[in-house]
């Protein structure tokens, strides 16, 4: 790990500890490496790219917002908070996201949220059935470090959704 990567990792962990109340859940979302499409010429295989991975995550967040907040997701811009980290490129692993999620309705149980997350991910074009969903118990710093490693296999750290907090 380079010095820049260590600095980014430390800054990310410090920021997450400061905003620990905003993120209650961690989820790992695995992507398919390709998908089969039918068009007028027959069947086509579309390979997963970083662009498609980002697009799939945006679509997942949109579906999750609609499932959790209904029409208020569009009408009043209600949205979850999410920090995704894309990993797995350049390795013999599937591309996958490690995400910290917050801003979910408080009246839902963990099992209900897990079911909604799985359903929203299954409806994405590159969503693979391998999903790991868990609660984040603060201030468990070792679990944060294991979830948000910034190393050579995860070069991309970016934010989506309307607001992080």
C-alpha atoms as a PDB file:
ATOM      1  CA  UNK A   1       0.000   0.000   0.000  1.00  0.00           C
ATOM      2  CA  UNK A   2       1.414   3.376  -0.987  1.00  0.00           C
ATOM      3  CA  UNK A   3       1.564   6.429   1.245  1.00  0.00           C
ATOM      4  CA  UNK A   4      -1.258   8.106  -0.722  1.00  0.00           C
ATOM      5  CA  UNK A   5      -3.472   5.053  -0.272  1.00  0.00           C
ATOM      6  CA  UNK A   6      -2.797   5.016   3.479  1.00  0.00           C
ATOM      7  CA  UNK A   7      -3.643   8.726   3.673  1.00  0.00           C
ATOM      8  CA  UNK A   8      -6.901   8.185   1.769  1.00  0.00           C
ATOM      9  CA  UNK A   9      -7.771   5.187   3.947  1.00  0.00           C
ATOM     10  CA  UNK A  10      -7.140   7.159   7.143  1.00  0.00           C
ATOM     11  CA  UNK A  11      -9.167  10.156   5.923  1.00  0.00           C
ATOM     12  CA  UNK A  12     -12.039   7.894   4.856  1.00  0.00           C
ATOM     13  CA  UNK A  13     -12.155   6.135   8.228  1.00  0.00           C
ATOM     14  CA  UNK A  14     -11.978   9.427  10.146  1.00  0.00           C
ATOM     15  CA  UNK A  15     -14.813  10.867   8.054  1.00  0.00           C
ATOM     16  CA  UNK A  16     -16.929   7.750   8.605  1.00  0.00           C
ATOM     17  CA  UNK A  17     -16.402   7.844  12.368  1.00  0.00           C
ATOM     18  CA  UNK A  18     -17.473  11.519  12.408  1.00  0.00           C
ATOM     19  CA  UNK A  19     -20.657  10.604  10.484  1.00  0.00           C
ATOM     20  CA  UNK A  20     -21.288   7.270  12.157  1.00  0.00           C
ATOM     21  CA  UNK A  21     -24.927   8.046  12.953  1.00  0.00           C
ATOM     22  CA  UNK A  22     -25.704   8.510   9.255  1.00  0.00           C
ATOM     23  CA  UNK A  23     -24.738   4.964   8.178  1.00  0.00           C
ATOM     24  CA  UNK A  24     -26.314   1.957   9.891  1.00  0.00           C
ATOM     25  CA  UNK A  25     -25.872  -0.847   7.361  1.00  0.00           C
ATOM     26  CA  UNK A  26     -23.136  -2.373   5.237  1.00  0.00           C
ATOM     27  CA  UNK A  27     -23.821  -4.344   2.084  1.00  0.00           C
ATOM     28  CA  UNK A  28     -21.618  -6.089  -0.466  1.00  0.00           C
ATOM     29  CA  UNK A  29     -23.179  -6.225  -3.940  1.00  0.00           C
ATOM     30  CA  UNK A  30     -21.591  -8.538  -6.502  1.00  0.00           C
ATOM     31  CA  UNK A  31     -21.905  -7.871 -10.236  1.00  0.00           C
ATOM     32  CA  UNK A  32     -22.230 -10.337 -13.109  1.00  0.00           C
ATOM     33  CA  UNK A  33     -19.285 -10.228 -15.489  1.00  0.00           C
ATOM     34  CA  UNK A  34     -21.613 -10.246 -18.514  1.00  0.00           C
ATOM     35  CA  UNK A  35     -25.269 -10.431 -19.484  1.00  0.00           C
ATOM     36  CA  UNK A  36     -27.076 -11.854 -22.491  1.00  0.00           C
ATOM     37  CA  UNK A  37     -29.385  -9.594 -24.498  1.00  0.00           C
ATOM     38  CA  UNK A  38     -31.720 -10.292 -27.379  1.00  0.00           C
ATOM     39  CA  UNK A  39     -31.979  -7.871 -30.259  1.00  0.00           C
ATOM     40  CA  UNK A  40     -33.086  -8.021 -33.897  1.00  0.00           C
ATOM     41  CA  UNK A  41     -29.854  -9.858 -34.835  1.00  0.00           C
ATOM     42  CA  UNK A  42     -30.219 -12.553 -32.195  1.00  0.00           C
ATOM     43  CA  UNK A  43     -28.486 -12.960 -28.877  1.00  0.00           C
ATOM     44  CA  UNK A  44     -25.670 -10.596 -27.847  1.00  0.00           C
ATOM     45  CA  UNK A  45     -23.287 -10.840 -24.887  1.00  0.00           C
ATOM     46  CA  UNK A  46     -22.580  -7.522 -23.146  1.00  0.00           C
ATOM     47  CA  UNK A  47     -19.433  -7.442 -20.989  1.00  0.00           C
ATOM     48  CA  UNK A  48     -19.402  -5.521 -17.719  1.00  0.00           C
ATOM     49  CA  UNK A  49     -17.372  -2.297 -17.825  1.00  0.00           C
ATOM     50  CA  UNK A  50     -16.698   0.273 -15.105  1.00  0.00           C
ATOM     51  CA  UNK A  51     -19.267   2.523 -16.773  1.00  0.00           C
ATOM     52  CA  UNK A  52     -21.896  -0.246 -16.635  1.00  0.00           C
ATOM     53  CA  UNK A  53     -20.968  -0.988 -13.013  1.00  0.00           C
ATOM     54  CA  UNK A  54     -21.585   2.651 -12.052  1.00  0.00           C
ATOM     55  CA  UNK A  55     -24.800   2.715 -14.064  1.00  0.00           C
ATOM     56  CA  UNK A  56     -25.979  -0.470 -12.368  1.00  0.00           C
ATOM     57  CA  UNK A  57     -25.346   1.064  -8.936  1.00  0.00           C
ATOM     58  CA  UNK A  58     -27.277   4.235  -9.865  1.00  0.00           C
ATOM     59  CA  UNK A  59     -30.170   2.093 -11.054  1.00  0.00           C
ATOM     60  CA  UNK A  60     -30.037   0.068  -7.820  1.00  0.00           C
ATOM     61  CA  UNK A  61     -30.152   3.246  -5.692  1.00  0.00           C
ATOM     62  CA  UNK A  62     -33.118   4.533  -7.714  1.00  0.00           C
ATOM     63  CA  UNK A  63     -35.008   1.224  -7.296  1.00  0.00           C
ATOM     64  CA  UNK A  64     -34.166   1.090  -3.591  1.00  0.00           C
ATOM     65  CA  UNK A  65     -35.369   4.670  -3.049  1.00  0.00           C
ATOM     66  CA  UNK A  66     -38.667   3.908  -4.767  1.00  0.00           C
ATOM     67  CA  UNK A  67     -39.107   0.675  -2.783  1.00  0.00           C
ATOM     68  CA  UNK A  68     -38.386   2.411   0.535  1.00  0.00           C
ATOM     69  CA  UNK A  69     -39.999   5.823   0.055  1.00  0.00           C
ATOM     70  CA  UNK A  70     -42.552   5.268  -2.722  1.00  0.00           C
ATOM     71  CA  UNK A  71     -43.546   8.341  -4.714  1.00  0.00           C
ATOM     72  CA  UNK A  72     -41.829  10.598  -2.181  1.00  0.00           C
ATOM     73  CA  UNK A  73     -38.530   9.442  -3.698  1.00  0.00           C
ATOM     74  CA  UNK A  74     -39.302  11.428  -6.850  1.00  0.00           C
ATOM     75  CA  UNK A  75     -41.755  14.006  -5.565  1.00  0.00           C
ATOM     76  CA  UNK A  76     -39.785  15.163  -2.512  1.00  0.00           C
ATOM     77  CA  UNK A  77     -36.307  13.851  -3.465  1.00  0.00           C
ATOM     78  CA  UNK A  78     -36.253  11.390  -0.540  1.00  0.00           C
ATOM     79  CA  UNK A  79     -33.128   9.294  -0.847  1.00  0.00           C
ATOM     80  CA  UNK A  80     -30.897   6.943   1.066  1.00  0.00           C
ATOM     81  CA  UNK A  81     -27.302   7.896   1.831  1.00  0.00           C
ATOM     82  CA  UNK A  82     -24.733   5.586   0.303  1.00  0.00           C
ATOM     83  CA  UNK A  83     -20.957   5.344   0.117  1.00  0.00           C
ATOM     84  CA  UNK A  84     -19.948   2.779  -2.522  1.00  0.00           C
ATOM     85  CA  UNK A  85     -16.449   1.412  -3.071  1.00  0.00           C
ATOM     86  CA  UNK A  86     -15.885  -0.632  -6.243  1.00  0.00           C
ATOM     87  CA  UNK A  87     -13.469  -3.544  -5.864  1.00  0.00           C
ATOM     88  CA  UNK A  88     -12.330  -6.558  -7.834  1.00  0.00           C
ATOM     89  CA  UNK A  89     -10.929  -5.061 -11.044  1.00  0.00           C
ATOM     90  CA  UNK A  90      -7.583  -6.413 -12.117  1.00  0.00           C
ATOM     91  CA  UNK A  91      -8.047  -9.484  -9.930  1.00  0.00           C
ATOM     92  CA  UNK A  92      -9.538 -12.916 -10.426  1.00  0.00           C
ATOM     93  CA  UNK A  93     -12.644 -11.808  -8.544  1.00  0.00           C
ATOM     94  CA  UNK A  94     -15.960 -10.487  -9.772  1.00  0.00           C
ATOM     95  CA  UNK A  95     -16.444  -6.744  -9.555  1.00  0.00           C
ATOM     96  CA  UNK A  96     -18.335  -5.916  -6.390  1.00  0.00           C
ATOM     97  CA  UNK A  97     -19.359  -2.905  -4.329  1.00  0.00           C
ATOM     98  CA  UNK A  98     -18.840  -2.465  -0.607  1.00  0.00           C
ATOM     99  CA  UNK A  99     -21.445   0.074   0.484  1.00  0.00           C
ATOM    100  CA  UNK A 100     -22.294   1.883   3.695  1.00  0.00           C
ATOM    101  CA  UNK A 101     -26.003   2.743   3.662  1.00  0.00           C
ATOM    102  CA  UNK A 102     -27.973   5.130   5.838  1.00  0.00           C
ATOM    103  CA  UNK A 103     -31.101   7.230   5.808  1.00  0.00           C
ATOM    104  CA  UNK A 104     -33.401   4.201   5.738  1.00  0.00           C
ATOM    105  CA  UNK A 105     -36.877   4.320   7.292  1.00  0.00           C
ATOM    106  CA  UNK A 106     -36.652   3.707  11.033  1.00  0.00           C
ATOM    107  CA  UNK A 107     -39.895   1.741  11.177  1.00  0.00           C
ATOM    108  CA  UNK A 108     -38.471  -1.184   9.152  1.00  0.00           C
ATOM    109  CA  UNK A 109     -36.775  -4.210  10.695  1.00  0.00           C
ATOM    110  CA  UNK A 110     -33.356  -5.425   9.583  1.00  0.00           C
ATOM    111  CA  UNK A 111     -34.941  -8.424   7.838  1.00  0.00           C
ATOM    112  CA  UNK A 112     -37.349  -6.187   5.911  1.00  0.00           C
ATOM    113  CA  UNK A 113     -34.522  -3.896   4.800  1.00  0.00           C
ATOM    114  CA  UNK A 114     -32.431  -6.916   3.791  1.00  0.00           C
ATOM    115  CA  UNK A 115     -35.323  -8.220   1.652  1.00  0.00           C
ATOM    116  CA  UNK A 116     -35.854  -4.824  -0.016  1.00  0.00           C
ATOM    117  CA  UNK A 117     -32.115  -4.476  -0.776  1.00  0.00           C
ATOM    118  CA  UNK A 118     -31.975  -7.993  -2.274  1.00  0.00           C
ATOM    119  CA  UNK A 119     -35.077  -7.359  -4.368  1.00  0.00           C
ATOM    120  CA  UNK A 120     -33.783  -4.018  -5.706  1.00  0.00           C
ATOM    121  CA  UNK A 121     -30.369  -5.544  -6.563  1.00  0.00           C
ATOM    122  CA  UNK A 122     -31.954  -8.544  -8.310  1.00  0.00           C
ATOM    123  CA  UNK A 123     -33.765  -6.166 -10.684  1.00  0.00           C
ATOM    124  CA  UNK A 124     -30.576  -4.500 -11.923  1.00  0.00           C
ATOM    125  CA  UNK A 125     -29.083  -5.552 -15.266  1.00  0.00           C
ATOM    126  CA  UNK A 126     -25.765  -6.821 -13.860  1.00  0.00           C
ATOM    127  CA  UNK A 127     -26.902  -7.737 -10.329  1.00  0.00           C
ATOM    128  CA  UNK A 128     -25.536 -11.116  -9.225  1.00  0.00           C
ATOM    129  CA  UNK A 129     -27.238 -13.106  -6.445  1.00  0.00           C
ATOM    130  CA  UNK A 130     -24.274 -12.902  -4.073  1.00  0.00           C
ATOM    131  CA  UNK A 131     -25.204 -10.216  -1.519  1.00  0.00           C
ATOM    132  CA  UNK A 132     -23.912  -9.766   2.029  1.00  0.00           C
ATOM    133  CA  UNK A 133     -25.994  -7.475   4.247  1.00  0.00           C
ATOM    134  CA  UNK A 134     -25.140  -6.563   7.840  1.00  0.00           C
ATOM    135  CA  UNK A 135     -25.668  -3.902  10.484  1.00  0.00           C
ATOM    136  CA  UNK A 136     -22.738  -1.639  11.354  1.00  0.00           C
ATOM    137  CA  UNK A 137     -22.132  -1.548  15.085  1.00  0.00           C
ATOM    138  CA  UNK A 138     -20.242   1.596  16.067  1.00  0.00           C
ATOM    139  CA  UNK A 139     -17.563   2.294  17.157  1.00  0.00           C
ATOM    140  CA  UNK A 140     -16.246  -0.991  15.775  1.00  0.00           C
ATOM    141  CA  UNK A 141     -13.251   0.441  13.914  1.00  0.00           C
ATOM    142  CA  UNK A 142     -11.875  -2.956  12.763  1.00  0.00           C
ATOM    143  CA  UNK A 143     -15.128  -3.676  10.932  1.00  0.00           C
ATOM    144  CA  UNK A 144     -14.913  -0.286   9.209  1.00  0.00           C
ATOM    145  CA  UNK A 145     -11.368  -0.980   8.087  1.00  0.00           C
ATOM    146  CA  UNK A 146     -12.325  -4.390   6.706  1.00  0.00           C
ATOM    147  CA  UNK A 147     -15.279  -2.885   4.830  1.00  0.00           C
ATOM    148  CA  UNK A 148     -13.464   0.142   3.409  1.00  0.00           C
ATOM    149  CA  UNK A 149      -9.978  -0.941   2.440  1.00  0.00           C
ATOM    150  CA  UNK A 150      -8.398   1.427  -0.015  1.00  0.00           C
ATOM    151  CA  UNK A 151      -5.761  -0.775  -1.606  1.00  0.00           C
ATOM    152  CA  UNK A 152      -4.511  -1.644  -5.058  1.00  0.00           C
ATOM    153  CA  UNK A 153      -7.689  -3.535  -5.938  1.00  0.00           C
ATOM    154  CA  UNK A 154     -10.025  -0.627  -5.089  1.00  0.00           C
ATOM    155  CA  UNK A 155      -8.947   2.493  -6.918  1.00  0.00           C
ATOM    156  CA  UNK A 156     -12.359   4.130  -7.087  1.00  0.00           C
ATOM    157  CA  UNK A 157     -14.001   5.842  -4.141  1.00  0.00           C
ATOM    158  CA  UNK A 158     -16.968   7.968  -5.151  1.00  0.00           C
ATOM    159  CA  UNK A 159     -20.289   9.124  -3.784  1.00  0.00           C
ATOM    160  CA  UNK A 160     -23.736   8.725  -5.286  1.00  0.00           C
ATOM    161  CA  UNK A 161     -27.313   9.563  -4.285  1.00  0.00           C
ATOM    162  CA  UNK A 162     -28.445  13.050  -3.434  1.00  0.00           C
ATOM    163  CA  UNK A 163     -26.646  13.670  -0.165  1.00  0.00           C
ATOM    164  CA  UNK A 164     -24.194  11.717   1.884  1.00  0.00           C
ATOM    165  CA  UNK A 165     -25.577  12.914   5.231  1.00  0.00           C
END
